[in-house]
Protein backbone atom coordinates (compact mmCIF):
# COMPACT_ATOMS: atom_id res chain seq x y z
CA UNK A 1 107.07 117.42 164.37
CA UNK A 2 110.22 118.71 162.61
CA UNK A 3 113.79 117.48 162.78
CA UNK A 4 115.01 121.06 163.32
CA UNK A 5 114.11 124.67 162.44
CA UNK A 6 116.37 127.34 160.89
CA UNK A 7 115.60 131.05 161.34
CA UNK A 8 116.98 133.50 158.83
CA UNK A 9 116.52 135.62 155.76
CA UNK A 10 116.60 133.86 152.41
CA UNK A 11 116.22 134.44 148.67
CA UNK A 12 114.59 132.08 146.19
CA UNK A 13 113.26 132.26 142.60
CA UNK A 14 109.47 132.10 142.33
CA UNK A 15 109.63 132.18 138.52
CA UNK A 16 112.15 133.07 135.79
CA UNK A 17 112.10 136.78 136.51
CA UNK A 18 111.13 137.21 140.13
CA UNK A 19 112.92 136.50 143.40
CA UNK A 20 111.12 136.19 146.74
CA UNK A 21 112.67 137.43 149.96
CA UNK A 22 111.88 135.37 153.07
CA UNK A 23 112.72 137.89 155.81
CA UNK A 24 113.45 136.39 159.21
CA UNK A 25 111.44 133.32 158.35
CA UNK A 26 111.39 129.89 159.93
CA UNK A 27 112.34 126.95 157.71
CA UNK A 28 110.96 123.75 159.26
CA UNK A 29 112.83 120.68 158.04
CA UNK A 30 111.46 117.12 158.15
CA UNK A 31 113.35 113.95 159.09
CA UNK A 32 113.84 113.18 155.40
CA UNK A 33 115.48 116.53 154.70
CA UNK A 34 112.46 118.14 153.02
CA UNK A 35 111.10 121.61 153.71
CA UNK A 36 107.92 120.80 155.59
CA UNK A 37 106.82 124.37 156.22
CA UNK A 38 108.01 127.95 155.91
CA UNK A 39 106.63 130.32 158.56
CA UNK A 40 106.84 134.11 158.24
CA UNK A 41 107.22 136.44 161.21
CA UNK A 42 103.63 137.68 161.04
CA UNK A 43 102.10 134.23 161.40
CA UNK A 44 100.54 133.20 164.72
CA UNK A 45 102.66 130.07 165.18
CA UNK A 46 105.97 131.87 164.60
CA UNK A 47 106.70 132.61 168.25
CA UNK A 48 105.40 129.22 169.35
CA UNK A 49 107.78 127.34 167.05
CA UNK A 50 110.73 129.45 168.13
CA UNK A 51 109.91 128.78 171.81
CA UNK A 52 109.37 125.02 171.29
CA UNK A 53 112.44 124.27 169.14
CA UNK A 54 114.69 126.56 171.08
CA UNK A 55 113.74 124.58 174.15
CA UNK A 56 114.55 121.33 172.34
CA UNK A 57 117.86 122.76 171.17
CA UNK A 58 116.78 122.25 167.60
CA UNK A 59 116.60 125.89 166.49
CA UNK A 60 119.46 127.34 164.44
CA UNK A 61 119.44 131.14 164.15
CA UNK A 62 121.56 132.80 161.44
CA UNK A 63 123.80 135.58 162.68
CA UNK A 64 123.65 139.17 161.43
CA UNK A 65 124.87 139.40 157.85
CA UNK A 66 124.18 135.75 157.00
CA UNK A 67 121.70 134.83 154.26
CA UNK A 68 120.31 131.64 152.72
CA UNK A 69 120.36 130.82 149.01
CA UNK A 70 119.20 127.58 147.43
CA UNK A 71 122.08 125.25 146.58
CA UNK A 72 123.34 125.53 143.05
CA UNK A 73 122.54 122.90 140.40
CA UNK A 74 125.36 122.40 137.87
CA UNK A 75 123.99 120.72 134.75
CA UNK A 76 127.22 120.04 132.90
CA UNK A 77 130.53 118.88 134.38
CA UNK A 78 133.24 116.67 132.89
CA UNK A 79 134.48 115.21 136.15
CA UNK A 80 137.80 113.82 134.94
CA UNK A 81 138.72 117.17 133.42
CA UNK A 82 139.02 118.73 136.89
CA UNK A 83 142.69 117.51 136.60
CA UNK A 84 143.25 119.87 133.65
CA UNK A 85 141.10 122.82 134.68
CA UNK A 86 142.56 126.14 133.63
CA UNK A 87 144.84 124.78 130.91
CA UNK A 88 144.90 124.82 127.07
CA UNK A 89 141.79 126.98 126.63
CA UNK A 90 143.44 128.76 123.67
CA UNK A 91 142.97 125.72 121.32
CA UNK A 92 140.02 125.00 119.04
CA UNK A 93 137.65 122.35 120.46
CA UNK A 94 138.76 119.45 118.15
CA UNK A 95 142.47 120.05 118.91
CA UNK A 96 141.80 120.55 122.61
CA UNK A 97 140.03 117.18 122.87
CA UNK A 98 142.70 115.20 121.08
CA UNK A 99 145.80 116.93 122.45
CA UNK A 100 144.77 117.24 126.09
CA UNK A 101 141.38 115.83 127.07
CA UNK A 102 141.35 112.32 125.65
CA UNK A 103 144.90 111.48 126.94
CA UNK A 104 143.82 112.67 130.41
CA UNK A 105 140.51 110.79 130.42
CA UNK A 106 142.26 107.62 129.37
CA UNK A 107 144.16 107.63 132.73
CA UNK A 108 140.92 106.94 134.56
CA UNK A 109 141.34 103.26 133.88
CA UNK A 110 143.43 103.65 137.05
CA UNK A 111 140.75 103.65 139.78
CA UNK A 112 143.14 105.13 142.40
CA UNK A 113 143.78 108.09 140.15
CA UNK A 114 140.05 108.42 139.55
CA UNK A 115 139.37 108.36 143.27
CA UNK A 116 141.91 111.16 143.91
CA UNK A 117 140.54 113.47 141.18
CA UNK A 118 136.85 112.78 141.81
CA UNK A 119 137.16 113.18 145.58
CA UNK A 120 138.85 116.54 145.13
CA UNK A 121 136.26 117.70 142.63
CA UNK A 122 133.20 116.83 144.72
CA UNK A 123 134.76 118.53 147.77
CA UNK A 124 135.51 121.62 145.74
CA UNK A 125 132.03 121.82 144.24
CA UNK A 126 130.36 121.55 147.61
CA UNK A 127 132.55 124.36 148.92
CA UNK A 128 131.33 126.40 145.94
CA UNK A 129 127.71 125.85 146.86
CA UNK A 130 126.90 123.16 144.29
CA UNK A 131 124.47 120.75 145.92
CA UNK A 132 123.49 118.85 142.78
CA UNK A 133 125.80 118.00 139.89
CA UNK A 134 125.24 116.34 136.48
CA UNK A 135 128.50 114.59 135.62
CA UNK A 136 130.14 113.10 132.57
CA UNK A 137 132.67 110.53 133.81
CA UNK A 138 134.76 108.45 131.30
CA UNK A 139 134.32 105.25 129.30
CA UNK A 140 135.51 103.23 132.30
CA UNK A 141 132.55 101.65 134.12
CA UNK A 142 134.23 100.96 137.44
CA UNK A 143 135.72 104.44 137.78
CA UNK A 144 132.35 105.93 136.83
CA UNK A 145 130.63 103.93 139.54
CA UNK A 146 133.30 105.15 141.92
CA UNK A 147 132.33 108.75 141.16
CA UNK A 148 128.72 107.93 142.06
CA UNK A 149 129.92 106.32 145.28
CA UNK A 150 131.94 109.45 146.20
CA UNK A 151 128.89 111.65 145.66
CA UNK A 152 126.87 109.29 147.83
CA UNK A 153 129.43 109.29 150.64
CA UNK A 154 130.07 113.05 150.64
CA UNK A 155 126.40 113.89 150.58
CA UNK A 156 126.18 115.56 147.17
CA UNK A 157 123.24 114.73 144.87
CA UNK A 158 125.06 113.37 141.87
CA UNK A 159 123.81 112.35 138.43
CA UNK A 160 126.62 110.38 136.83
CA UNK A 161 127.10 109.08 133.32
CA UNK A 162 129.52 106.47 132.00
CA UNK A 163 130.55 108.09 128.74
CA UNK A 164 130.01 106.19 125.46
CA UNK A 165 132.37 106.89 122.54
CA UNK A 166 132.68 103.83 120.28
CA UNK A 167 133.20 105.22 116.74
CA UNK A 168 136.56 103.85 115.65
CA UNK A 169 137.29 106.61 113.15
CA UNK A 170 136.54 109.57 115.47
CA UNK A 171 138.06 108.29 118.72
CA UNK A 172 141.67 107.39 119.46
CA UNK A 173 142.50 103.71 119.75
CA UNK A 174 143.81 104.21 123.29
CA UNK A 175 140.55 105.75 124.54
CA UNK A 176 137.21 104.42 123.33
CA UNK A 177 134.68 101.67 123.91
CA UNK A 178 135.74 98.38 122.32
CA UNK A 179 132.53 98.13 120.27
CA UNK A 180 128.94 99.29 120.25
CA UNK A 181 127.89 96.00 121.89
CA UNK A 182 130.42 96.53 124.66
CA UNK A 183 129.35 100.16 125.17
CA UNK A 184 125.74 99.13 125.60
CA UNK A 185 126.51 96.21 127.88
CA UNK A 186 128.82 98.29 130.11
CA UNK A 187 126.28 101.12 130.28
CA UNK A 188 123.53 98.74 131.38
CA UNK A 189 125.77 97.29 134.10
CA UNK A 190 126.60 100.80 135.18
CA UNK A 191 122.92 101.77 135.35
CA UNK A 192 122.14 98.71 137.56
CA UNK A 193 125.09 99.44 139.93
CA UNK A 194 124.06 103.03 140.49
CA UNK A 195 120.36 102.18 140.94
CA UNK A 196 121.39 99.83 143.76
CA UNK A 197 123.59 102.55 145.27
CA UNK A 198 120.70 104.97 145.14
CA UNK A 199 118.69 102.77 147.47
CA UNK A 200 120.99 103.77 150.37
CA UNK A 201 121.66 107.38 149.36
CA UNK A 202 119.30 109.86 151.11
CA UNK A 203 119.97 112.76 148.74
CA UNK A 204 119.83 110.57 145.64
CA UNK A 205 122.45 109.46 143.13
CA UNK A 206 121.28 108.67 139.62
CA UNK A 207 122.66 106.91 136.52
CA UNK A 208 122.65 108.90 133.29
CA UNK A 209 122.78 107.56 129.76
CA UNK A 210 125.71 109.50 128.22
CA UNK A 211 126.67 109.42 124.54
CA UNK A 212 129.54 111.91 124.54
CA UNK A 213 128.19 113.54 121.42
CA UNK A 214 127.09 112.31 118.01
CA UNK A 215 130.55 112.58 116.40
CA UNK A 216 131.98 110.10 118.90
CA UNK A 217 129.26 107.48 118.61
CA UNK A 218 128.10 104.89 116.06
CA UNK A 219 124.51 104.63 115.00
CA UNK A 220 124.32 101.30 116.83
CA UNK A 221 125.42 102.70 120.16
CA UNK A 222 123.17 105.75 119.86
CA UNK A 223 120.15 103.57 119.15
CA UNK A 224 121.05 101.19 121.95
CA UNK A 225 121.47 104.03 124.46
CA UNK A 226 118.05 105.41 123.60
CA UNK A 227 116.58 102.00 124.25
CA UNK A 228 118.35 101.69 127.58
CA UNK A 229 117.15 105.11 128.70
CA UNK A 230 113.56 104.04 127.94
CA UNK A 231 113.97 100.63 129.56
CA UNK A 232 115.23 102.03 132.90
CA UNK A 233 113.51 105.47 132.74
CA UNK A 234 116.76 107.28 133.50
CA UNK A 235 118.25 110.66 132.68
CA UNK A 236 120.13 111.29 129.41
CA UNK A 237 122.89 113.80 128.72
CA UNK A 238 124.99 114.78 125.71
CA UNK A 239 126.30 117.75 123.77
CA UNK A 240 124.14 119.34 121.12
CA UNK A 241 125.16 121.83 118.44
CA UNK A 242 128.09 123.08 120.55
CA UNK A 243 130.38 124.57 117.92
CA UNK A 244 130.75 125.21 114.20
CA UNK A 245 132.69 121.95 113.87
CA UNK A 246 130.30 119.76 115.84
CA UNK A 247 127.16 121.25 114.34
CA UNK A 248 128.46 120.84 110.79
CA UNK A 249 129.74 117.33 111.39
CA UNK A 250 126.23 116.05 112.33
CA UNK A 251 124.62 117.82 109.38
CA UNK A 252 127.08 116.23 106.96
CA UNK A 253 126.63 112.77 108.50
CA UNK A 254 122.82 112.68 108.77
CA UNK A 255 121.57 115.57 106.65
CA UNK A 256 119.77 117.03 109.65
CA UNK A 257 120.50 118.94 112.82
CA UNK A 258 121.94 117.54 116.04
CA UNK A 259 118.54 117.91 117.74
CA UNK A 260 116.59 115.94 115.18
CA UNK A 261 119.30 113.30 114.90
CA UNK A 262 119.37 112.78 118.70
CA UNK A 263 115.56 112.60 118.67
CA UNK A 264 115.59 109.90 116.04
CA UNK A 265 117.61 107.72 118.43
CA UNK A 266 115.18 108.31 121.34
CA UNK A 267 117.63 110.60 123.15
CA UNK A 268 115.44 113.71 123.51
CA UNK A 269 113.09 113.11 126.44
CA UNK A 270 111.75 114.96 129.48
CA UNK A 271 114.70 113.58 131.41
CA UNK A 272 117.29 114.68 128.86
CA UNK A 273 119.73 117.59 129.30
CA UNK A 274 121.71 118.75 126.29
CA UNK A 275 124.73 120.94 126.77
CA UNK A 276 125.49 124.19 124.89
CA UNK A 277 122.97 124.27 122.05
CA UNK A 278 124.42 127.46 120.60
CA UNK A 279 123.33 126.65 117.03
CA UNK A 280 119.78 125.46 117.56
CA UNK A 281 117.37 126.51 114.80
CA UNK A 282 113.80 127.61 115.50
CA UNK A 283 112.69 124.12 114.51
CA UNK A 284 115.16 122.59 116.95
CA UNK A 285 113.89 124.80 119.75
CA UNK A 286 110.30 123.80 119.01
CA UNK A 287 111.34 120.16 119.19
CA UNK A 288 113.12 120.70 122.52
CA UNK A 289 109.98 122.32 123.90
CA UNK A 290 107.71 119.51 122.64
CA UNK A 291 109.98 116.81 124.12
CA UNK A 292 110.57 118.62 127.45
CA UNK A 293 114.33 118.40 126.86
CA UNK A 294 116.44 120.93 128.77
CA UNK A 295 119.47 122.99 127.76
CA UNK A 296 122.57 123.25 129.99
CA UNK A 297 123.87 126.77 129.33
CA UNK A 298 127.64 126.98 129.93
CA UNK A 299 128.47 130.69 129.44
CA UNK A 300 132.20 130.58 130.34
CA UNK A 301 132.84 127.52 128.25
CA UNK A 302 130.86 129.11 125.34
CA UNK A 303 133.31 131.98 125.32
CA UNK A 304 136.16 129.58 124.64
CA UNK A 305 134.72 126.80 122.46
CA UNK A 306 131.12 127.70 121.51
CA UNK A 307 131.73 129.91 118.48
CA UNK A 308 128.46 131.63 119.41
CA UNK A 309 126.49 132.82 122.41
CA UNK A 310 123.60 130.53 123.29
CA UNK A 311 120.34 132.52 122.93
CA UNK A 312 119.06 131.87 126.43
CA UNK A 313 116.34 134.59 126.40
CA UNK A 314 114.88 133.19 123.18
CA UNK A 315 114.90 129.63 124.56
CA UNK A 316 113.24 130.70 127.81
CA UNK A 317 110.66 133.21 126.68
CA UNK A 318 109.91 132.57 123.04
CA UNK A 319 110.04 128.76 122.98
CA UNK A 320 109.55 127.88 126.65
CA UNK A 321 112.47 125.52 126.71
CA UNK A 322 113.77 124.49 130.15
CA UNK A 323 117.24 125.94 130.73
CA UNK A 324 119.74 125.51 133.59
CA UNK A 325 123.36 126.49 134.14
CA UNK A 326 126.56 124.50 133.75
CA UNK A 327 130.23 125.09 134.57
CA UNK A 328 131.43 122.70 131.88
CA UNK A 329 134.63 121.94 133.72
CA UNK A 330 137.15 122.13 132.16
CA UNK A 331 135.99 123.86 129.00
CA UNK A 332 134.88 126.32 131.60
CA UNK A 333 137.69 127.02 134.03
CA UNK A 334 135.65 127.84 137.13
CA UNK A 335 133.89 125.38 139.48
CA UNK A 336 131.73 128.27 140.78
CA UNK A 337 128.27 128.86 139.47
CA UNK A 338 128.50 132.33 140.91
CA UNK A 339 131.05 132.98 138.13
CA UNK A 340 128.75 131.42 135.58
CA UNK A 341 125.73 133.48 136.75
CA UNK A 342 127.78 136.64 136.13
CA UNK A 343 129.04 135.44 132.75
CA UNK A 344 125.53 134.44 131.68
CA UNK A 345 124.40 138.04 132.13
CA UNK A 346 127.54 139.44 130.42
CA UNK A 347 127.29 137.13 127.44
CA UNK A 348 123.62 137.82 126.96
CA UNK A 349 124.28 141.55 126.83
CA UNK A 350 127.10 141.06 124.33
CA UNK A 351 124.71 139.03 122.16
CA UNK A 352 122.14 141.80 122.30
CA UNK A 353 124.55 144.70 121.69
CA UNK A 354 126.94 142.92 119.29
CA UNK A 355 130.72 143.10 119.35
CA UNK A 356 131.76 144.35 115.92
CA UNK A 357 132.27 148.11 116.12
CA UNK A 358 132.50 148.33 112.33
CA UNK A 359 128.93 147.05 111.96
CA UNK A 360 126.16 149.63 112.44
CA UNK A 361 124.34 149.52 115.74
CA UNK A 362 121.05 148.43 114.16
CA UNK A 363 122.62 145.23 112.82
CA UNK A 364 125.42 144.62 115.32
CA UNK A 365 123.50 142.53 117.84
CA UNK A 366 120.42 140.37 118.32
CA UNK A 367 117.49 142.25 119.87
CA UNK A 368 115.87 141.01 123.12
CA UNK A 369 118.76 138.71 123.96
CA UNK A 370 119.85 140.07 127.34
CA UNK A 371 118.85 138.38 130.57
CA UNK A 372 118.68 139.88 134.05
CA UNK A 373 120.57 138.84 137.19
CA UNK A 374 117.29 137.38 138.55
CA UNK A 375 116.98 135.22 135.44
CA UNK A 376 120.60 134.02 135.70
CA UNK A 377 119.98 133.11 139.37
CA UNK A 378 116.95 131.15 138.27
CA UNK A 379 119.04 129.19 135.83
CA UNK A 380 121.48 128.18 138.57
CA UNK A 381 118.76 127.09 140.96
CA UNK A 382 115.07 126.53 140.08
CA UNK A 383 115.80 126.19 136.35
CA UNK A 384 118.25 123.42 137.09
CA UNK A 385 115.68 121.62 139.21
CA UNK A 386 113.06 121.86 136.47
CA UNK A 387 115.60 120.64 133.92
CA UNK A 388 116.24 117.49 136.00
CA UNK A 389 112.57 117.00 136.89
CA UNK A 390 113.49 116.89 140.59
CA UNK A 391 112.05 118.86 143.57
CA UNK A 392 115.20 120.93 144.13
CA UNK A 393 116.43 124.47 143.54
CA UNK A 394 113.66 126.35 145.38
CA UNK A 395 112.86 127.31 148.93
CA UNK A 396 109.30 125.95 149.08
CA UNK A 397 107.38 123.23 150.91
CA UNK A 398 108.06 119.72 149.60
CA UNK A 399 111.43 120.76 148.12
CA UNK A 400 114.70 119.34 149.42
CA UNK A 401 116.57 121.46 151.97
CA UNK A 402 119.58 122.05 149.70
CA UNK A 403 120.98 125.43 150.70
CA UNK A 404 124.11 127.51 151.12
CA UNK A 405 124.58 130.03 153.90
CA UNK A 406 126.36 133.21 152.73
CA UNK A 407 128.22 135.44 155.15
CA UNK A 408 128.32 139.03 153.86
CA UNK A 409 130.57 140.61 156.43
CA UNK A 410 133.39 140.98 153.86
CA UNK A 411 131.05 142.42 151.17
CA UNK A 412 130.62 146.17 150.76
CA UNK A 413 127.43 146.53 152.78
CA UNK A 414 127.64 149.64 154.94
CA UNK A 415 124.03 150.73 155.46
CA UNK A 416 122.32 149.09 158.40
CA UNK A 417 118.99 149.08 156.59
CA UNK A 418 120.25 148.42 153.03
CA UNK A 419 117.39 147.02 150.91
CA UNK A 420 117.45 143.24 150.92
CA UNK A 421 117.27 142.95 147.16
CA UNK A 422 120.38 145.21 146.91
CA UNK A 423 122.15 142.77 149.27
CA UNK A 424 120.95 139.91 147.04
CA UNK A 425 122.52 141.52 144.01
CA UNK A 426 125.82 142.11 145.87
CA UNK A 427 125.91 138.46 146.91
CA UNK A 428 125.50 137.25 143.33
CA UNK A 429 128.03 139.65 141.83
CA UNK A 430 130.63 139.63 144.58
CA UNK A 431 130.45 136.41 146.59
CA UNK A 432 133.37 133.96 146.41
CA UNK A 433 133.74 130.46 147.92
CA UNK A 434 135.20 132.01 151.08
CA UNK A 435 131.87 133.76 151.66
CA UNK A 436 130.04 130.45 151.83
CA UNK A 437 129.71 129.61 155.51
CA UNK A 438 127.76 126.35 155.33
CA UNK A 439 126.23 123.97 152.77
CA UNK A 440 123.32 121.64 153.48
CA UNK A 441 122.05 118.90 151.18
CA UNK A 442 118.85 116.95 151.80
CA UNK A 443 118.67 118.40 155.29
CA UNK A 444 122.23 117.38 156.25
CA UNK A 445 125.18 119.72 156.92
CA UNK A 446 127.93 118.70 154.45
CA UNK A 447 130.24 121.67 154.81
CA UNK A 448 130.95 124.09 157.67
CA UNK A 449 133.69 126.66 157.09
CA UNK A 450 133.85 128.03 160.61
CA UNK A 451 134.26 124.59 162.19
CA UNK A 452 136.68 123.54 159.42
CA UNK A 453 134.60 120.52 158.59
CA UNK A 454 133.62 118.87 155.33
CA UNK A 455 131.57 115.71 155.44
CA UNK A 456 128.02 114.62 156.20
CA UNK A 457 126.61 115.59 159.58
CA UNK A 458 122.99 114.74 160.45
């Protein structure tokens, strides 16, 4: 009936604020890597399933101190920038792009270099518990397809975009699309290539329409990309109101906000994810909610380049906008969403309390801005799945078996009967990649630390 059964204790978001504990439950996985059934220890069939699948040698029992979390969903990664992660974060965004980032991304015309960097990145993300990743690649179609192929081969669910940046005034001559026509043609070819690849990829690999951001694109390319997204019904990603500079640039160019400008080009849809969004107005947030467009919150990157803290609590609770979490490599230095979960909580509290000691406490911060650890966990898991409109990010029937197994023996857990939700908090605040014992994606084991293996195992 099931491909195999895993017995263990797990944690999963049931909504934005609440986490469910599955204590010593059975997770029954189908041949297609989907959770077919979850059986608790008080159900009649519990013992029968254990007996049957133990007999078949298809029962995996977690050891003491091991716990299951859903795999993380990273909604914003610049894949080529893995090669510069941890450098030059002291510069303003515009200088950083031109002095470091564009020269690096231009090197991805070399497909061998691209293969080396992308292979390393996907391996590293899987080790960090990231089972689904939304990637910006570069303007190079073949190298971008190669990233999708690497995700497919290594078992990660990848959503990949060939970046479009065709504006001749805003982009360097050595790194840009030749023209708006070329950008659209190359994007359409890229979409077709990845759609074919997806047919033989069990976990899914998806093409994403990717204007880098409005300042890098002509009106013609933005319009054409909106039309392509509608034609093929694919995901869309870009940056929106990321910084003072980017936000002001769009207002000067169009006389309206980033959000309304993107919408005019057909780029705000239910399958769209916009990164950062630190300067959204109330009207912008209303528009996002109406369109079903999601926000990729990148808290570490925001601290370096955002010029503001994205008001996540307001987006979630006041405007009901879908929000997930992004690492924003390499504007964010860490490939770990554990680090970004922690920073999301920290940044939200700084927004609520304020940071200027010379301003009175009543005016220093923005009330009702803080989020809880449970909410940050939701962003990294179920919120990411909702943002991508995919059945991922939760432990529930009909969701993909995308999980990470955490070993807590090195964490400060001393009480034999320590409350499970206390253990959950310790995992989120203290876990590092070395605490991740295994990673499974679409029902397949893609990383096993103890056995020293990385690669797909059915």
